[in-house]
């Protein structure tokens, strides 16, 4: 299965239930305000967001009235170009990743967002590139969390560093960093807790983990990636802000896109948080976490 097909499969619900009908709308004949209203409705149903939808419809209206400087062409292709243009990939971390060893990725987000499975899938992704990975089991207050990360570390081919239930998460991160450095391993992924019911303590915990890592390497953590569940839609964005305020933020991973018909939520997540989308989760398998590609993402959403 090529990458476009993988994206299309993962975004099948979004394409089938919402956005793909745009192509059919444009095939219906003359394009006027009633058609633009239908396109607007489809974009909003896909959770593209009010601000982005208004911008896209305004651009389409200018194109139809001749005030858009672009040559006349397929309106779907013009819409695709505008959607891709929303994403700014210049600040993504891929170009500098692994510029030091170990490279430290701190995964943050609410419980249930998919942090632990993402840690395993990231390990698998980078193992295929020849990188050795250590995972720090820093969600120490739930025995089930440690058991879960053990399984995903095994599946992803990563070595796991853990302590007893209730241990200081920052101590686990410290031990994992020291161990990874002494062994010359490439990547340290710190899997953190996400207990919103103890938000203040959680945010202090995340800040402490970051401080401890900086004592080992002033540039660490090199990435703080916020993991968001696409099925929660835009409701997850407000939850996300507290995590980025506590630990900083360099990027986003959007999981469970295969489980929602509102996959356009990636767009307002990117715009409102001001962070690049690094990876998206298109299924439950190890290979279903894919580096984000705006062109493939938009093609997969809009192709019938």
Protein backbone atom coordinates (compact mmCIF):
# COMPACT_ATOMS: atom_id res chain seq x y z
CA UNK A 1 0.00 0.00 0.00
CA UNK A 2 1.53 3.34 -1.05
CA UNK A 3 1.44 6.38 1.22
CA UNK A 4 -1.49 8.08 -0.50
CA UNK A 5 -3.55 4.90 -0.23
CA UNK A 6 -2.58 4.60 3.45
CA UNK A 7 -3.73 8.18 4.06
CA UNK A 8 -6.96 7.55 2.13
CA UNK A 9 -7.69 4.40 4.12
CA UNK A 10 -7.05 6.17 7.42
CA UNK A 11 -9.24 9.11 6.42
CA UNK A 12 -11.99 6.98 4.91
CA UNK A 13 -14.69 8.18 7.31
CA UNK A 14 -13.83 11.84 6.74
CA UNK A 15 -13.77 11.37 2.99
CA UNK A 16 -16.89 9.23 2.76
CA UNK A 17 -19.14 11.15 5.15
CA UNK A 18 -18.12 14.77 4.66
CA UNK A 19 -15.38 16.24 2.52
CA UNK A 20 -15.46 13.98 -0.55
CA UNK A 21 -18.90 15.27 -1.40
CA UNK A 22 -17.23 18.57 -2.34
CA UNK A 23 -15.98 16.98 -5.57
CA UNK A 24 -19.52 15.88 -6.36
CA UNK A 25 -20.88 19.35 -5.55
CA UNK A 26 -18.52 20.98 -8.04
CA UNK A 27 -19.54 18.51 -10.75
CA UNK A 28 -23.15 19.61 -10.49
CA UNK A 29 -22.96 22.45 -13.01
CA UNK A 30 -22.76 26.21 -12.54
CA UNK A 31 -21.01 27.28 -9.34
CA UNK A 32 -22.83 29.99 -7.43
CA UNK A 33 -23.56 30.97 -3.84
CA UNK A 34 -25.73 27.91 -3.24
CA UNK A 35 -22.82 25.67 -4.20
CA UNK A 36 -20.45 27.59 -1.94
CA UNK A 37 -22.94 27.15 0.90
CA UNK A 38 -22.80 23.38 0.38
CA UNK A 39 -19.01 23.42 0.32
CA UNK A 40 -18.96 25.50 3.50
CA UNK A 41 -21.29 23.03 5.21
CA UNK A 42 -19.10 20.08 4.21
CA UNK A 43 -15.94 21.76 5.52
CA UNK A 44 -17.59 22.62 8.83
CA UNK A 45 -18.91 19.07 9.21
CA UNK A 46 -15.35 17.82 8.74
CA UNK A 47 -14.29 20.10 11.64
CA UNK A 48 -12.02 22.23 9.48
CA UNK A 49 -12.97 25.12 11.77
CA UNK A 50 -14.91 28.34 11.30
CA UNK A 51 -11.92 30.61 10.69
CA UNK A 52 -10.29 28.34 8.09
CA UNK A 53 -13.60 27.59 6.40
CA UNK A 54 -14.42 31.28 6.03
CA UNK A 55 -10.99 31.91 4.51
CA UNK A 56 -11.36 29.00 2.07
CA UNK A 57 -14.85 30.09 0.96
CA UNK A 58 -13.75 33.72 0.55
CA UNK A 59 -10.86 32.55 -1.64
CA UNK A 60 -13.22 30.42 -3.70
CA UNK A 61 -15.63 33.34 -4.12
CA UNK A 62 -12.81 35.59 -5.36
CA UNK A 63 -11.79 32.88 -7.79
CA UNK A 64 -15.32 32.56 -9.15
CA UNK A 65 -15.74 36.33 -9.57
CA UNK A 66 -12.46 36.65 -11.41
CA UNK A 67 -10.64 38.67 -8.73
CA UNK A 68 -8.35 35.74 -7.89
CA UNK A 69 -5.14 36.07 -9.92
CA UNK A 70 -4.85 32.31 -10.37
CA UNK A 71 -5.74 30.90 -13.78
CA UNK A 72 -9.09 29.27 -14.21
CA UNK A 73 -8.89 25.61 -13.36
CA UNK A 74 -10.44 22.78 -11.43
CA UNK A 75 -12.04 24.31 -8.30
CA UNK A 76 -11.24 21.20 -6.28
CA UNK A 77 -7.53 21.61 -7.11
CA UNK A 78 -7.69 25.26 -6.06
CA UNK A 79 -9.33 24.27 -2.79
CA UNK A 80 -6.62 21.66 -2.25
CA UNK A 81 -3.90 24.27 -2.80
CA UNK A 82 -5.51 26.59 -0.27
CA UNK A 83 -5.83 23.80 2.30
CA UNK A 84 -2.19 22.78 1.89
CA UNK A 85 -1.21 26.44 2.22
CA UNK A 86 -2.66 26.54 5.74
CA UNK A 87 0.13 24.27 6.98
CA UNK A 88 3.56 25.75 7.56
CA UNK A 89 6.10 22.94 7.62
CA UNK A 90 9.16 25.17 7.95
CA UNK A 91 9.25 24.77 11.74
CA UNK A 92 8.97 20.98 11.83
CA UNK A 93 11.66 19.16 13.76
CA UNK A 94 12.51 16.46 11.26
CA UNK A 95 15.43 18.35 9.75
CA UNK A 96 17.29 18.67 13.05
CA UNK A 97 16.14 15.46 14.75
CA UNK A 98 19.01 13.33 16.11
CA UNK A 99 21.49 16.20 15.92
CA UNK A 100 22.57 15.14 19.42
CA UNK A 101 22.50 11.85 21.34
CA UNK A 102 20.29 10.88 22.97
CA UNK A 103 17.59 12.93 21.27
CA UNK A 104 14.82 13.42 23.84
CA UNK A 105 11.12 13.48 22.97
CA UNK A 106 8.68 14.28 25.77
CA UNK A 107 5.16 13.03 25.01
CA UNK A 108 2.36 14.93 26.76
CA UNK A 109 -1.43 14.86 26.62
CA UNK A 110 -4.52 13.67 28.47
CA UNK A 111 -5.09 10.04 29.40
CA UNK A 112 -6.66 8.18 26.52
CA UNK A 113 -5.16 10.37 23.81
CA UNK A 114 -2.84 7.60 22.69
CA UNK A 115 0.50 8.65 24.21
CA UNK A 116 1.60 5.16 25.17
CA UNK A 117 0.72 3.52 21.87
CA UNK A 118 2.34 6.48 20.12
CA UNK A 119 5.56 5.89 22.05
CA UNK A 120 5.68 2.34 20.76
CA UNK A 121 4.81 3.34 17.20
CA UNK A 122 7.46 6.10 17.21
CA UNK A 123 10.01 3.55 18.40
CA UNK A 124 9.07 1.27 15.53
CA UNK A 125 9.19 4.15 13.03
CA UNK A 126 12.68 5.19 14.05
CA UNK A 127 13.93 1.61 14.45
CA UNK A 128 13.21 1.16 10.74
CA UNK A 129 15.60 4.09 10.21
CA UNK A 130 18.27 2.28 12.22
CA UNK A 131 17.80 4.29 15.43
CA UNK A 132 17.96 2.72 18.88
CA UNK A 133 15.26 3.84 21.30
CA UNK A 134 14.73 3.93 25.06
CA UNK A 135 11.31 4.61 26.58
CA UNK A 136 11.00 6.07 30.07
CA UNK A 137 7.83 4.86 31.82
CA UNK A 138 7.17 8.19 33.56
CA UNK A 139 3.45 7.59 34.16
CA UNK A 140 4.22 5.87 37.46
CA UNK A 141 0.97 6.24 39.39
CA UNK A 142 -1.02 3.62 37.50
CA UNK A 143 0.27 0.06 37.46
CA UNK A 144 -1.74 -0.51 34.29
CA UNK A 145 0.12 2.32 32.59
CA UNK A 146 3.48 0.63 33.20
CA UNK A 147 2.13 -2.69 31.95
CA UNK A 148 0.81 -1.01 28.82
CA UNK A 149 4.07 0.77 28.01
CA UNK A 150 5.99 -2.50 28.57
CA UNK A 151 3.91 -4.14 25.85
CA UNK A 152 4.26 -1.24 23.42
CA UNK A 153 8.00 -0.93 24.03
CA UNK A 154 8.33 -4.61 23.19
CA UNK A 155 6.25 -4.23 20.04
CA UNK A 156 8.16 -1.14 18.95
CA UNK A 157 11.58 -2.67 19.59
CA UNK A 158 12.52 -0.21 22.35
CA UNK A 159 14.29 -0.75 25.65
CA UNK A 160 12.18 0.27 28.66
CA UNK A 161 13.36 2.04 31.81
CA UNK A 162 10.87 1.88 34.69
CA UNK A 163 10.65 2.08 38.47
CA UNK A 164 8.13 0.91 41.02
CA UNK A 165 4.57 2.23 41.01
CA UNK A 166 4.40 5.66 42.65
CA UNK A 167 8.03 6.58 41.91
CA UNK A 168 8.95 10.16 41.05
CA UNK A 169 8.41 10.52 37.26
CA UNK A 170 11.33 12.95 37.02
CA UNK A 171 13.59 10.32 38.60
CA UNK A 172 12.52 7.82 35.95
CA UNK A 173 13.33 10.35 33.23
CA UNK A 174 16.71 11.05 34.84
CA UNK A 175 17.61 7.35 35.05
CA UNK A 176 16.48 6.77 31.48
CA UNK A 177 18.58 9.67 30.19
CA UNK A 178 21.69 8.49 32.06
CA UNK A 179 21.18 4.95 30.80
CA UNK A 180 20.62 6.01 27.19
CA UNK A 181 23.68 8.26 27.22
CA UNK A 182 25.93 5.61 28.74
CA UNK A 183 24.83 3.08 26.10
CA UNK A 184 25.12 5.54 23.22
CA UNK A 185 21.48 5.11 22.22
CA UNK A 186 19.89 7.49 19.75
CA UNK A 187 16.48 8.35 21.14
CA UNK A 188 14.79 8.71 24.52
CA UNK A 189 10.99 8.91 24.56
CA UNK A 190 9.48 9.98 27.88
CA UNK A 191 5.91 8.72 28.26
CA UNK A 192 4.16 10.96 30.80
CA UNK A 193 0.89 10.93 32.75
CA UNK A 194 -2.22 12.80 31.67
CA UNK A 195 -4.48 13.03 34.69
CA UNK A 196 -6.70 16.08 34.20
CA UNK A 197 -8.37 15.54 37.57
CA UNK A 198 -5.06 16.49 39.19
CA UNK A 199 -4.20 19.17 36.69
CA UNK A 200 -2.09 21.45 38.88
CA UNK A 201 0.06 18.59 40.22
CA UNK A 202 0.35 17.15 36.73
CA UNK A 203 1.58 20.41 35.25
CA UNK A 204 4.13 20.78 38.06
CA UNK A 205 5.22 17.20 37.38
CA UNK A 206 5.77 17.92 33.68
CA UNK A 207 7.72 21.07 34.49
CA UNK A 208 9.91 19.10 36.91
CA UNK A 209 10.64 16.43 34.29
CA UNK A 210 11.73 19.16 31.88
CA UNK A 211 13.98 20.77 34.51
CA UNK A 212 15.65 17.45 35.35
CA UNK A 213 16.31 16.74 31.68
CA UNK A 214 17.79 20.21 31.19
CA UNK A 215 20.25 19.51 33.99
CA UNK A 216 21.58 16.69 31.83
CA UNK A 217 21.45 18.59 28.54
CA UNK A 218 20.42 22.28 28.48
CA UNK A 219 18.73 21.73 25.11
CA UNK A 220 16.59 18.83 26.37
CA UNK A 221 13.86 17.89 25.93
CA UNK A 222 14.54 18.48 22.27
CA UNK A 223 10.91 17.94 21.34
CA UNK A 224 7.77 18.27 23.44
CA UNK A 225 5.07 16.63 21.37
CA UNK A 226 1.44 17.03 22.29
CA UNK A 227 -0.62 13.93 21.52
CA UNK A 228 -4.26 14.72 20.67
CA UNK A 229 -7.15 12.35 19.98
CA UNK A 230 -8.91 13.39 16.75
CA UNK A 231 -12.19 11.87 17.90
CA UNK A 232 -12.53 14.52 20.63
CA UNK A 233 -12.59 17.20 17.93
CA UNK A 234 -11.91 20.81 18.82
CA UNK A 235 -12.82 20.14 22.46
CA UNK A 236 -9.34 18.69 22.88
CA UNK A 237 -7.64 21.95 21.95
CA UNK A 238 -8.48 23.74 25.21
CA UNK A 239 -7.20 20.74 27.17
CA UNK A 240 -3.99 20.88 25.18
CA UNK A 241 -3.14 24.44 26.13
CA UNK A 242 -2.32 23.56 29.73
CA UNK A 243 0.20 20.94 28.65
CA UNK A 244 2.01 23.28 26.27
CA UNK A 245 2.10 26.00 28.93
CA UNK A 246 3.63 23.62 31.48
CA UNK A 247 6.18 21.83 29.32
CA UNK A 248 6.48 23.99 26.22
CA UNK A 249 5.56 22.54 22.87
CA UNK A 250 7.34 21.89 19.61
CA UNK A 251 4.85 19.78 17.69
CA UNK A 252 1.64 17.78 17.57
CA UNK A 253 0.70 14.18 16.90
CA UNK A 254 -2.97 13.67 16.03
CA UNK A 255 -4.13 10.12 16.73
CA UNK A 256 -7.23 8.05 15.86
CA UNK A 257 -8.01 9.84 12.60
CA UNK A 258 -9.39 6.56 11.33
CA UNK A 259 -12.06 6.69 14.02
CA UNK A 260 -13.72 9.97 13.07
CA UNK A 261 -15.57 11.55 10.17
CA UNK A 262 -14.24 14.93 11.30
CA UNK A 263 -10.60 14.50 10.32
CA UNK A 264 -10.36 18.12 9.23
CA UNK A 265 -9.80 18.91 12.92
CA UNK A 266 -6.07 18.67 12.17
CA UNK A 267 -6.37 22.15 10.61
CA UNK A 268 -7.75 24.12 13.61
CA UNK A 269 -5.46 22.15 15.93
CA UNK A 270 -2.48 23.36 13.91
CA UNK A 271 -3.75 26.93 13.61
CA UNK A 272 -4.90 27.45 17.21
CA UNK A 273 -1.87 25.89 18.89
CA UNK A 274 0.59 27.39 16.43
CA UNK A 275 2.57 24.13 16.33
CA UNK A 276 3.51 21.95 13.36
CA UNK A 277 1.82 18.58 12.91
CA UNK A 278 4.63 16.03 13.08
CA UNK A 279 2.78 12.70 12.76
CA UNK A 280 -0.79 11.45 12.37
CA UNK A 281 -2.30 8.17 13.50
CA UNK A 282 -4.22 6.43 10.71
CA UNK A 283 -4.97 3.10 12.41
CA UNK A 284 -4.07 0.71 15.21
CA UNK A 285 -1.10 -1.05 13.62
CA UNK A 286 2.56 -0.28 14.26
CA UNK A 287 2.92 1.15 10.75
CA UNK A 288 -0.14 3.36 11.00
CA UNK A 289 1.65 6.31 12.60
CA UNK A 290 2.88 8.32 9.63
CA UNK A 291 4.90 11.54 9.28
CA UNK A 292 2.45 14.27 8.39
CA UNK A 293 2.40 15.31 4.75
CA UNK A 294 0.00 18.18 4.05
CA UNK A 295 -0.33 17.35 0.36
CA UNK A 296 -1.14 13.68 0.96
CA UNK A 297 -3.49 14.59 3.80
CA UNK A 298 -5.50 17.02 1.65
CA UNK A 299 -5.53 14.67 -1.38
CA UNK A 300 -6.79 11.83 0.81
CA UNK A 301 -9.58 13.97 2.24
CA UNK A 302 -10.84 15.33 -1.06
CA UNK A 303 -10.43 12.45 -3.49
CA UNK A 304 -13.62 10.48 -4.07
